[in-house]
């Protein structure tokens, strides 16, 4: 069963986009572009508040594995 976590490996600020991208099995860059496009369409403030709430309520992935080199 898949669980939604914040990513500790693929993060820029809090790891929300990276974790959500892993959950939905898409590229994290596409997820970040989606958040940016949504903020441009709706205004910055609602998306910023949504991102902060998501960062607070989405748990960190404590079982992460370091990326293979």
C-alpha atoms as a PDB file:
ATOM      1  CA  UNK A   1       0.000   0.000   0.000  1.00  0.00           C
ATOM      2  CA  UNK A   2       1.417   3.357  -1.042  1.00  0.00           C
ATOM      3  CA  UNK A   3       1.609   6.153   1.510  1.00  0.00           C
ATOM      4  CA  UNK A   4       2.007   9.852   0.960  1.00  0.00           C
ATOM      5  CA  UNK A   5       5.207  11.279   2.445  1.00  0.00           C
ATOM      6  CA  UNK A   6       7.406  14.327   2.055  1.00  0.00           C
ATOM      7  CA  UNK A   7      10.560  13.367   0.218  1.00  0.00           C
ATOM      8  CA  UNK A   8      13.897  13.680   1.980  1.00  0.00           C
ATOM      9  CA  UNK A   9      15.892  12.910  -1.185  1.00  0.00           C
ATOM     10  CA  UNK A  10      14.091  15.028  -3.778  1.00  0.00           C
ATOM     11  CA  UNK A  11      13.332  18.305  -2.097  1.00  0.00           C
ATOM     12  CA  UNK A  12      13.858  21.987  -2.753  1.00  0.00           C
ATOM     13  CA  UNK A  13      12.046  23.532   0.227  1.00  0.00           C
ATOM     14  CA  UNK A  14      10.053  21.019   2.310  1.00  0.00           C
ATOM     15  CA  UNK A  15       9.918  18.004  -0.030  1.00  0.00           C
ATOM     16  CA  UNK A  16       6.181  18.244  -0.687  1.00  0.00           C
ATOM     17  CA  UNK A  17       6.426  18.219  -4.486  1.00  0.00           C
ATOM     18  CA  UNK A  18       9.040  15.458  -4.461  1.00  0.00           C
ATOM     19  CA  UNK A  19       6.967  13.268  -2.163  1.00  0.00           C
ATOM     20  CA  UNK A  20       3.761  13.854  -4.070  1.00  0.00           C
ATOM     21  CA  UNK A  21       5.543  13.123  -7.353  1.00  0.00           C
ATOM     22  CA  UNK A  22       6.766   9.801  -5.942  1.00  0.00           C
ATOM     23  CA  UNK A  23       3.239   8.978  -4.776  1.00  0.00           C
ATOM     24  CA  UNK A  24       1.638   9.757  -8.147  1.00  0.00           C
ATOM     25  CA  UNK A  25       4.607   8.228 -10.025  1.00  0.00           C
ATOM     26  CA  UNK A  26       5.427  11.321 -12.092  1.00  0.00           C
ATOM     27  CA  UNK A  27       8.532  13.455 -12.476  1.00  0.00           C
ATOM     28  CA  UNK A  28       9.038  15.913  -9.625  1.00  0.00           C
ATOM     29  CA  UNK A  29       9.856  18.685 -12.098  1.00  0.00           C
ATOM     30  CA  UNK A  30       6.381  18.321 -13.603  1.00  0.00           C
ATOM     31  CA  UNK A  31       4.868  18.526 -10.124  1.00  0.00           C
ATOM     32  CA  UNK A  32       6.817  21.710  -9.369  1.00  0.00           C
ATOM     33  CA  UNK A  33       5.802  23.242 -12.705  1.00  0.00           C
ATOM     34  CA  UNK A  34       2.195  22.389 -11.870  1.00  0.00           C
ATOM     35  CA  UNK A  35       2.441  24.200  -8.525  1.00  0.00           C
ATOM     36  CA  UNK A  36       3.998  27.237 -10.213  1.00  0.00           C
ATOM     37  CA  UNK A  37       1.339  27.316 -12.939  1.00  0.00           C
ATOM     38  CA  UNK A  38      -1.397  26.992 -10.326  1.00  0.00           C
ATOM     39  CA  UNK A  39       0.071  29.873  -8.342  1.00  0.00           C
ATOM     40  CA  UNK A  40       0.185  32.060 -11.465  1.00  0.00           C
ATOM     41  CA  UNK A  41      -3.438  31.262 -12.311  1.00  0.00           C
ATOM     42  CA  UNK A  42      -4.961  31.625  -8.837  1.00  0.00           C
ATOM     43  CA  UNK A  43      -2.608  34.135  -7.298  1.00  0.00           C
ATOM     44  CA  UNK A  44       0.384  33.394  -5.149  1.00  0.00           C
ATOM     45  CA  UNK A  45      -1.213  33.548  -1.694  1.00  0.00           C
ATOM     46  CA  UNK A  46      -3.744  30.629  -1.889  1.00  0.00           C
ATOM     47  CA  UNK A  47      -1.168  28.231  -3.320  1.00  0.00           C
ATOM     48  CA  UNK A  48       1.446  29.351  -0.789  1.00  0.00           C
ATOM     49  CA  UNK A  49      -0.948  28.653   2.104  1.00  0.00           C
ATOM     50  CA  UNK A  50      -1.897  25.283   0.571  1.00  0.00           C
ATOM     51  CA  UNK A  51       1.786  24.344   0.235  1.00  0.00           C
ATOM     52  CA  UNK A  52       2.485  25.285   3.860  1.00  0.00           C
ATOM     53  CA  UNK A  53      -0.494  23.257   5.092  1.00  0.00           C
ATOM     54  CA  UNK A  54       0.666  20.296   2.984  1.00  0.00           C
ATOM     55  CA  UNK A  55       4.176  20.635   4.431  1.00  0.00           C
ATOM     56  CA  UNK A  56       2.757  20.597   7.958  1.00  0.00           C
ATOM     57  CA  UNK A  57       0.313  17.688   7.622  1.00  0.00           C
ATOM     58  CA  UNK A  58       2.304  15.414   5.288  1.00  0.00           C
ATOM     59  CA  UNK A  59       4.730  13.314   7.349  1.00  0.00           C
ATOM     60  CA  UNK A  60       8.409  12.928   6.486  1.00  0.00           C
ATOM     61  CA  UNK A  61       9.522   9.668   4.936  1.00  0.00           C
ATOM     62  CA  UNK A  62      11.654   8.177   7.710  1.00  0.00           C
ATOM     63  CA  UNK A  63      12.242   4.970   5.731  1.00  0.00           C
ATOM     64  CA  UNK A  64      13.973   6.693   2.839  1.00  0.00           C
ATOM     65  CA  UNK A  65      16.866   5.152   1.009  1.00  0.00           C
ATOM     66  CA  UNK A  66      19.789   7.145  -0.257  1.00  0.00           C
ATOM     67  CA  UNK A  67      19.920   7.393  -4.042  1.00  0.00           C
ATOM     68  CA  UNK A  68      22.248   4.993  -5.837  1.00  0.00           C
ATOM     69  CA  UNK A  69      25.289   6.618  -7.380  1.00  0.00           C
END
